Amino acid sequence: MYPVEITEPMAKDLTAFGFKSLGSSKEVDDVLGHQEGTVMVVVNSVCGCAARNARPGAKLALENDKTPENLVTVFAGVDQEATAKAREYMLPYPPSSPSIALFKDGKLVHFLERHHIEGRSAEIIAENLKMAFDRYC
């Protein structure tokens, strides 16, 4: 577990932008167990590729005509219960931090694992997500 004092600014990078932070398995079930609409989930992390690529890419992607109806985030290493529950919905993909998932009508339809994020610019990640938004949102 990381101390909240260290991770709070990293979490606020998304929550200040409109993402809802999920801190329990019930909150995750309430959002991802819903069978209608679209949800983007950012599994946040303390690593450099979350700061440099994943969070900025997720935010840039929202500059699109079509966007998910719900934006949520869990923080790996902080919100352990919520992160574990979110990862159950992301199966068969293995745990990955950071990662970005798009759900439509309760089904995982698009997923960016760490290896899709690491070493790629925020702009490339945003373009990937925008294509998914255009298809599913």
N, C-alpha and C. Protein backbone atom coordinates (compact mmCIF):
# COMPACT_ATOMS: atom_id res chain seq x y z
N MET A 1 0.83 -1.19 0.00
CA MET A 1 0.00 0.00 0.00
C MET A 1 0.87 1.25 0.00
N TYR A 2 0.49 2.18 -0.83
CA TYR A 2 1.18 3.46 -0.86
C TYR A 2 0.47 4.44 0.08
N PRO A 3 1.21 5.32 0.72
CA PRO A 3 0.58 6.32 1.58
C PRO A 3 -0.29 7.27 0.75
N VAL A 4 -1.47 7.57 1.28
CA VAL A 4 -2.41 8.44 0.58
C VAL A 4 -1.80 9.81 0.29
N GLU A 5 -0.95 10.30 1.19
CA GLU A 5 -0.35 11.62 0.99
C GLU A 5 0.48 11.67 -0.30
N ILE A 6 1.06 10.55 -0.64
CA ILE A 6 1.89 10.49 -1.85
C ILE A 6 1.03 10.35 -3.10
N THR A 7 -0.02 9.55 -3.00
CA THR A 7 -0.81 9.24 -4.20
C THR A 7 -1.97 10.20 -4.45
N GLU A 8 -2.33 10.99 -3.46
CA GLU A 8 -3.47 11.89 -3.61
C GLU A 8 -3.36 12.82 -4.83
N PRO A 9 -2.22 13.47 -5.07
CA PRO A 9 -2.13 14.31 -6.28
C PRO A 9 -2.28 13.52 -7.57
N MET A 10 -1.81 12.28 -7.58
CA MET A 10 -1.94 11.44 -8.77
C MET A 10 -3.40 11.04 -8.99
N ALA A 11 -4.11 10.78 -7.91
CA ALA A 11 -5.53 10.45 -8.00
C ALA A 11 -6.32 11.66 -8.46
N LYS A 12 -6.00 12.82 -7.91
CA LYS A 12 -6.71 14.06 -8.25
C LYS A 12 -6.52 14.44 -9.71
N ASP A 13 -5.43 13.97 -10.33
CA ASP A 13 -5.21 14.24 -11.74
C ASP A 13 -6.40 13.77 -12.56
N LEU A 14 -7.04 12.69 -12.14
CA LEU A 14 -8.22 12.19 -12.84
C LEU A 14 -9.52 12.67 -12.21
N THR A 15 -9.61 12.65 -10.89
CA THR A 15 -10.88 13.03 -10.26
C THR A 15 -11.20 14.51 -10.50
N ALA A 16 -10.20 15.36 -10.56
CA ALA A 16 -10.44 16.77 -10.85
C ALA A 16 -10.91 16.97 -12.29
N PHE A 17 -10.71 15.95 -13.11
CA PHE A 17 -11.09 16.00 -14.52
C PHE A 17 -12.46 15.36 -14.75
N GLY A 18 -13.09 14.86 -13.68
CA GLY A 18 -14.42 14.30 -13.82
C GLY A 18 -14.53 12.80 -13.62
N PHE A 19 -13.41 12.13 -13.37
CA PHE A 19 -13.47 10.70 -13.09
C PHE A 19 -13.92 10.48 -11.65
N LYS A 20 -14.75 9.48 -11.43
CA LYS A 20 -15.18 9.13 -10.09
C LYS A 20 -14.24 8.05 -9.55
N SER A 21 -13.71 8.29 -8.38
CA SER A 21 -12.82 7.32 -7.74
C SER A 21 -13.66 6.26 -7.05
N LEU A 22 -13.36 5.00 -7.35
CA LEU A 22 -14.06 3.88 -6.71
C LEU A 22 -13.14 3.26 -5.67
N GLY A 23 -13.63 3.16 -4.43
CA GLY A 23 -12.78 2.71 -3.35
C GLY A 23 -13.17 1.39 -2.73
N SER A 24 -14.25 0.77 -3.21
CA SER A 24 -14.68 -0.50 -2.64
C SER A 24 -15.19 -1.43 -3.74
N SER A 25 -15.27 -2.70 -3.43
CA SER A 25 -15.78 -3.66 -4.42
C SER A 25 -17.25 -3.38 -4.72
N LYS A 26 -18.01 -2.92 -3.73
CA LYS A 26 -19.41 -2.59 -3.96
C LYS A 26 -19.55 -1.44 -4.95
N GLU A 27 -18.71 -0.42 -4.81
CA GLU A 27 -18.76 0.70 -5.76
C GLU A 27 -18.44 0.23 -7.17
N VAL A 28 -17.46 -0.67 -7.30
CA VAL A 28 -17.10 -1.22 -8.62
C VAL A 28 -18.27 -2.01 -9.18
N ASP A 29 -18.87 -2.88 -8.36
CA ASP A 29 -20.03 -3.66 -8.82
C ASP A 29 -21.19 -2.75 -9.22
N ASP A 30 -21.40 -1.68 -8.46
CA ASP A 30 -22.49 -0.75 -8.78
C ASP A 30 -22.31 -0.12 -10.16
N VAL A 31 -21.06 0.12 -10.55
CA VAL A 31 -20.79 0.75 -11.85
C VAL A 31 -20.65 -0.30 -12.96
N LEU A 32 -19.79 -1.28 -12.77
CA LEU A 32 -19.49 -2.24 -13.83
C LEU A 32 -20.51 -3.36 -13.93
N GLY A 33 -21.27 -3.58 -12.88
CA GLY A 33 -22.32 -4.59 -12.93
C GLY A 33 -23.57 -4.09 -13.64
N HIS A 34 -23.60 -2.78 -13.92
CA HIS A 34 -24.72 -2.16 -14.64
C HIS A 34 -24.67 -2.64 -16.10
N GLN A 35 -25.79 -2.99 -16.65
CA GLN A 35 -25.81 -3.61 -17.97
C GLN A 35 -26.09 -2.67 -19.13
N GLU A 36 -26.22 -1.37 -18.88
CA GLU A 36 -26.49 -0.44 -19.96
C GLU A 36 -25.49 0.70 -19.96
N GLY A 37 -25.11 1.13 -21.15
CA GLY A 37 -24.25 2.29 -21.28
C GLY A 37 -22.78 1.94 -21.38
N THR A 38 -21.95 3.00 -21.39
CA THR A 38 -20.51 2.84 -21.56
C THR A 38 -19.78 3.40 -20.34
N VAL A 39 -18.68 2.72 -20.00
CA VAL A 39 -17.87 3.10 -18.85
C VAL A 39 -16.40 2.96 -19.23
N MET A 40 -15.61 4.00 -18.96
CA MET A 40 -14.16 3.89 -19.08
C MET A 40 -13.59 3.81 -17.66
N VAL A 41 -12.73 2.81 -17.47
CA VAL A 41 -12.07 2.61 -16.18
C VAL A 41 -10.57 2.80 -16.38
N VAL A 42 -9.98 3.70 -15.62
CA VAL A 42 -8.54 3.87 -15.62
C VAL A 42 -8.01 3.24 -14.33
N VAL A 43 -7.16 2.22 -14.48
CA VAL A 43 -6.46 1.67 -13.33
C VAL A 43 -5.21 2.53 -13.18
N ASN A 44 -5.25 3.41 -12.21
CA ASN A 44 -4.19 4.38 -11.97
C ASN A 44 -3.02 3.72 -11.26
N SER A 45 -1.86 4.36 -11.33
CA SER A 45 -0.65 3.79 -10.77
C SER A 45 0.33 4.92 -10.45
N VAL A 46 1.32 4.61 -9.60
CA VAL A 46 2.34 5.60 -9.26
C VAL A 46 3.47 5.64 -10.28
N CYS A 47 3.49 4.74 -11.22
CA CYS A 47 4.61 4.65 -12.15
C CYS A 47 4.65 5.83 -13.11
N GLY A 48 5.78 6.01 -13.71
CA GLY A 48 5.99 7.12 -14.64
C GLY A 48 5.11 7.04 -15.86
N CYS A 49 4.83 5.84 -16.34
CA CYS A 49 4.00 5.74 -17.55
C CYS A 49 2.54 6.08 -17.27
N ALA A 50 2.11 6.00 -16.02
CA ALA A 50 0.76 6.47 -15.67
C ALA A 50 0.74 7.99 -15.74
N ALA A 51 1.77 8.62 -15.19
CA ALA A 51 1.83 10.09 -15.16
C ALA A 51 2.07 10.68 -16.54
N ARG A 52 2.93 10.05 -17.30
CA ARG A 52 3.37 10.60 -18.58
C ARG A 52 2.45 10.19 -19.73
N ASN A 53 1.83 9.02 -19.63
CA ASN A 53 1.12 8.47 -20.77
C ASN A 53 -0.35 8.16 -20.51
N ALA A 54 -0.63 7.36 -19.47
CA ALA A 54 -1.99 6.86 -19.27
C ALA A 54 -2.98 7.96 -18.87
N ARG A 55 -2.68 8.68 -17.80
CA ARG A 55 -3.62 9.72 -17.35
C ARG A 55 -3.80 10.82 -18.40
N PRO A 56 -2.70 11.37 -18.95
CA PRO A 56 -2.89 12.38 -19.99
C PRO A 56 -3.61 11.83 -21.23
N GLY A 57 -3.30 10.60 -21.60
CA GLY A 57 -3.95 9.99 -22.77
C GLY A 57 -5.44 9.82 -22.56
N ALA A 58 -5.83 9.36 -21.37
CA ALA A 58 -7.24 9.18 -21.06
C ALA A 58 -7.98 10.52 -21.11
N LYS A 59 -7.35 11.56 -20.57
CA LYS A 59 -7.99 12.88 -20.58
C LYS A 59 -8.07 13.45 -21.99
N LEU A 60 -7.01 13.32 -22.77
CA LEU A 60 -7.02 13.81 -24.16
C LEU A 60 -8.08 13.11 -24.99
N ALA A 61 -8.30 11.83 -24.72
CA ALA A 61 -9.27 11.06 -25.49
C ALA A 61 -10.68 11.61 -25.34
N LEU A 62 -10.92 12.30 -24.23
CA LEU A 62 -12.26 12.84 -23.98
C LEU A 62 -12.55 14.08 -24.82
N GLU A 63 -11.55 14.55 -25.58
CA GLU A 63 -11.76 15.63 -26.54
C GLU A 63 -12.22 15.02 -27.86
N ASN A 64 -13.34 14.34 -27.80
CA ASN A 64 -13.87 13.58 -28.92
C ASN A 64 -15.38 13.79 -28.95
N ASP A 65 -15.97 13.67 -30.13
CA ASP A 65 -17.43 13.83 -30.23
C ASP A 65 -18.16 12.77 -29.41
N LYS A 66 -17.68 11.55 -29.46
CA LYS A 66 -18.29 10.46 -28.70
C LYS A 66 -17.37 10.12 -27.53
N THR A 67 -17.96 10.02 -26.35
CA THR A 67 -17.20 9.66 -25.15
C THR A 67 -18.04 8.73 -24.28
N PRO A 68 -17.39 8.00 -23.37
CA PRO A 68 -18.15 7.13 -22.47
C PRO A 68 -19.07 7.93 -21.56
N GLU A 69 -20.16 7.30 -21.17
CA GLU A 69 -21.13 7.95 -20.29
C GLU A 69 -20.61 8.08 -18.87
N ASN A 70 -19.78 7.13 -18.46
CA ASN A 70 -19.24 7.11 -17.10
C ASN A 70 -17.73 7.00 -17.13
N LEU A 71 -17.07 7.79 -16.30
CA LEU A 71 -15.62 7.78 -16.18
C LEU A 71 -15.29 7.45 -14.73
N VAL A 72 -14.56 6.34 -14.54
CA VAL A 72 -14.20 5.93 -13.19
C VAL A 72 -12.74 5.53 -13.13
N THR A 73 -12.22 5.49 -11.90
CA THR A 73 -10.83 5.11 -11.70
C THR A 73 -10.68 4.35 -10.39
N VAL A 74 -9.75 3.43 -10.40
CA VAL A 74 -9.29 2.75 -9.19
C VAL A 74 -7.78 2.94 -9.15
N PHE A 75 -7.21 2.92 -7.95
CA PHE A 75 -5.79 3.18 -7.83
C PHE A 75 -5.10 1.92 -7.32
N ALA A 76 -4.31 1.29 -8.19
CA ALA A 76 -3.56 0.09 -7.82
C ALA A 76 -2.58 0.43 -6.71
N GLY A 77 -2.52 -0.41 -5.70
CA GLY A 77 -1.62 -0.17 -4.59
C GLY A 77 -2.19 0.74 -3.53
N VAL A 78 -3.39 1.26 -3.77
CA VAL A 78 -4.07 2.12 -2.81
C VAL A 78 -5.46 1.55 -2.53
N ASP A 79 -6.28 1.50 -3.57
CA ASP A 79 -7.64 0.96 -3.47
C ASP A 79 -7.60 -0.53 -3.81
N GLN A 80 -7.00 -1.31 -2.93
CA GLN A 80 -6.76 -2.71 -3.27
C GLN A 80 -8.04 -3.50 -3.52
N GLU A 81 -9.04 -3.31 -2.67
CA GLU A 81 -10.30 -4.04 -2.82
C GLU A 81 -10.98 -3.67 -4.14
N ALA A 82 -11.07 -2.39 -4.41
CA ALA A 82 -11.72 -1.91 -5.63
C ALA A 82 -10.94 -2.34 -6.87
N THR A 83 -9.62 -2.26 -6.79
CA THR A 83 -8.79 -2.65 -7.94
C THR A 83 -8.95 -4.14 -8.23
N ALA A 84 -8.94 -4.95 -7.19
CA ALA A 84 -9.11 -6.40 -7.38
C ALA A 84 -10.46 -6.71 -8.02
N LYS A 85 -11.51 -6.04 -7.58
CA LYS A 85 -12.84 -6.27 -8.13
C LYS A 85 -12.90 -5.80 -9.59
N ALA A 86 -12.33 -4.62 -9.89
CA ALA A 86 -12.32 -4.13 -11.27
C ALA A 86 -11.58 -5.10 -12.18
N ARG A 87 -10.50 -5.66 -11.68
CA ARG A 87 -9.72 -6.60 -12.50
C ARG A 87 -10.50 -7.89 -12.78
N GLU A 88 -11.42 -8.25 -11.91
CA GLU A 88 -12.28 -9.41 -12.19
C GLU A 88 -13.12 -9.13 -13.44
N TYR A 89 -13.58 -7.92 -13.59
CA TYR A 89 -14.36 -7.55 -14.77
C TYR A 89 -13.49 -7.48 -16.02
N MET A 90 -12.18 -7.33 -15.84
CA MET A 90 -11.26 -7.20 -16.97
C MET A 90 -10.68 -8.53 -17.44
N LEU A 91 -11.10 -9.62 -16.81
CA LEU A 91 -10.63 -10.92 -17.25
C LEU A 91 -11.08 -11.17 -18.68
N PRO A 92 -10.30 -11.83 -19.50
CA PRO A 92 -9.17 -12.71 -19.18
C PRO A 92 -7.81 -12.02 -19.14
N TYR A 93 -7.81 -10.69 -19.19
CA TYR A 93 -6.54 -9.98 -19.15
C TYR A 93 -5.93 -10.08 -17.76
N PRO A 94 -4.62 -10.25 -17.69
CA PRO A 94 -3.96 -10.30 -16.38
C PRO A 94 -3.90 -8.90 -15.76
N PRO A 95 -3.70 -8.82 -14.45
CA PRO A 95 -3.58 -7.52 -13.79
C PRO A 95 -2.51 -6.67 -14.48
N SER A 96 -2.85 -5.41 -14.68
CA SER A 96 -1.95 -4.49 -15.38
C SER A 96 -2.15 -3.09 -14.83
N SER A 97 -1.07 -2.46 -14.44
CA SER A 97 -1.12 -1.09 -13.92
C SER A 97 -0.03 -0.27 -14.56
N PRO A 98 -0.38 0.81 -15.19
CA PRO A 98 -1.72 1.29 -15.42
C PRO A 98 -2.39 0.49 -16.54
N SER A 99 -3.68 0.67 -16.64
CA SER A 99 -4.44 0.12 -17.76
C SER A 99 -5.70 0.94 -17.93
N ILE A 100 -6.32 0.80 -19.10
CA ILE A 100 -7.55 1.54 -19.40
C ILE A 100 -8.51 0.57 -20.07
N ALA A 101 -9.71 0.49 -19.52
CA ALA A 101 -10.72 -0.43 -20.04
C ALA A 101 -11.96 0.34 -20.45
N LEU A 102 -12.60 -0.13 -21.52
CA LEU A 102 -13.87 0.42 -21.96
C LEU A 102 -14.90 -0.70 -21.93
N PHE A 103 -16.01 -0.43 -21.24
CA PHE A 103 -17.10 -1.38 -21.14
C PHE A 103 -18.33 -0.81 -21.84
N LYS A 104 -19.05 -1.70 -22.51
CA LYS A 104 -20.33 -1.31 -23.12
C LYS A 104 -21.37 -2.34 -22.72
N ASP A 105 -22.44 -1.86 -22.14
CA ASP A 105 -23.53 -2.73 -21.71
C ASP A 105 -23.03 -3.91 -20.88
N GLY A 106 -22.10 -3.61 -19.98
CA GLY A 106 -21.59 -4.62 -19.06
C GLY A 106 -20.52 -5.54 -19.60
N LYS A 107 -20.09 -5.33 -20.84
CA LYS A 107 -19.06 -6.19 -21.44
C LYS A 107 -17.80 -5.38 -21.74
N LEU A 108 -16.65 -5.99 -21.48
CA LEU A 108 -15.38 -5.37 -21.81
C LEU A 108 -15.22 -5.39 -23.33
N VAL A 109 -15.08 -4.22 -23.94
CA VAL A 109 -14.99 -4.15 -25.40
C VAL A 109 -13.64 -3.62 -25.89
N HIS A 110 -12.86 -2.99 -25.01
CA HIS A 110 -11.56 -2.44 -25.42
C HIS A 110 -10.69 -2.36 -24.18
N PHE A 111 -9.41 -2.74 -24.33
CA PHE A 111 -8.53 -2.77 -23.17
C PHE A 111 -7.10 -2.42 -23.57
N LEU A 112 -6.53 -1.47 -22.86
CA LEU A 112 -5.12 -1.12 -23.05
C LEU A 112 -4.36 -1.59 -21.81
N GLU A 113 -3.47 -2.54 -22.01
CA GLU A 113 -2.63 -3.03 -20.93
C GLU A 113 -1.40 -2.11 -20.81
N ARG A 114 -0.66 -2.31 -19.75
CA ARG A 114 0.55 -1.52 -19.53
C ARG A 114 1.46 -1.54 -20.75
N HIS A 115 1.63 -2.70 -21.38
CA HIS A 115 2.55 -2.77 -22.52
C HIS A 115 2.02 -2.00 -23.73
N HIS A 116 0.73 -1.65 -23.75
CA HIS A 116 0.18 -0.78 -24.80
C HIS A 116 0.39 0.69 -24.45
N ILE A 117 0.65 0.98 -23.18
CA ILE A 117 0.78 2.34 -22.67
C ILE A 117 2.23 2.77 -22.56
N GLU A 118 3.03 1.91 -21.98
CA GLU A 118 4.44 2.21 -21.72
C GLU A 118 5.18 2.47 -23.02
N GLY A 119 5.86 3.60 -23.10
CA GLY A 119 6.65 3.93 -24.29
C GLY A 119 5.85 4.57 -25.41
N ARG A 120 4.55 4.76 -25.20
CA ARG A 120 3.74 5.43 -26.20
C ARG A 120 3.32 6.79 -25.67
N SER A 121 3.18 7.72 -26.54
CA SER A 121 2.81 9.08 -26.11
C SER A 121 1.34 9.13 -25.70
N ALA A 122 1.03 10.15 -24.93
CA ALA A 122 -0.37 10.38 -24.54
C ALA A 122 -1.24 10.56 -25.77
N GLU A 123 -0.70 11.18 -26.80
CA GLU A 123 -1.47 11.41 -28.02
C GLU A 123 -1.81 10.09 -28.72
N ILE A 124 -0.88 9.17 -28.76
CA ILE A 124 -1.14 7.86 -29.39
C ILE A 124 -2.19 7.10 -28.59
N ILE A 125 -2.08 7.14 -27.27
CA ILE A 125 -3.07 6.47 -26.41
C ILE A 125 -4.44 7.11 -26.62
N ALA A 126 -4.49 8.43 -26.68
CA ALA A 126 -5.75 9.13 -26.89
C ALA A 126 -6.37 8.74 -28.23
N GLU A 127 -5.59 8.66 -29.28
CA GLU A 127 -6.12 8.29 -30.59
C GLU A 127 -6.67 6.87 -30.57
N ASN A 128 -5.98 5.96 -29.89
CA ASN A 128 -6.46 4.59 -29.75
C ASN A 128 -7.82 4.59 -29.05
N LEU A 129 -7.92 5.33 -27.96
CA LEU A 129 -9.18 5.38 -27.21
C LEU A 129 -10.29 6.07 -28.01
N LYS A 130 -9.95 7.11 -28.74
CA LYS A 130 -10.96 7.80 -29.55
C LYS A 130 -11.56 6.86 -30.59
N MET A 131 -10.73 6.01 -31.18
CA MET A 131 -11.25 5.03 -32.15
C MET A 131 -12.23 4.08 -31.46
N ALA A 132 -11.90 3.67 -30.24
CA ALA A 132 -12.80 2.80 -29.48
C ALA A 132 -14.10 3.54 -29.12
N PHE A 133 -13.98 4.81 -28.73
CA PHE A 133 -15.17 5.61 -28.40
C PHE A 133 -16.08 5.72 -29.63
N ASP A 134 -15.48 6.01 -30.78
CA ASP A 134 -16.27 6.16 -32.00
C ASP A 134 -17.00 4.87 -32.33
N ARG A 135 -16.41 3.75 -32.02
CA ARG A 135 -17.03 2.46 -32.33
C ARG A 135 -18.09 2.06 -31.30
N TYR A 136 -17.84 2.32 -30.04
CA TYR A 136 -18.69 1.76 -28.98
C TYR A 136 -19.57 2.76 -28.24
N CYS A 137 -19.26 4.04 -28.33
CA CYS A 137 -20.03 5.02 -27.55
C CYS A 137 -21.12 5.70 -28.38
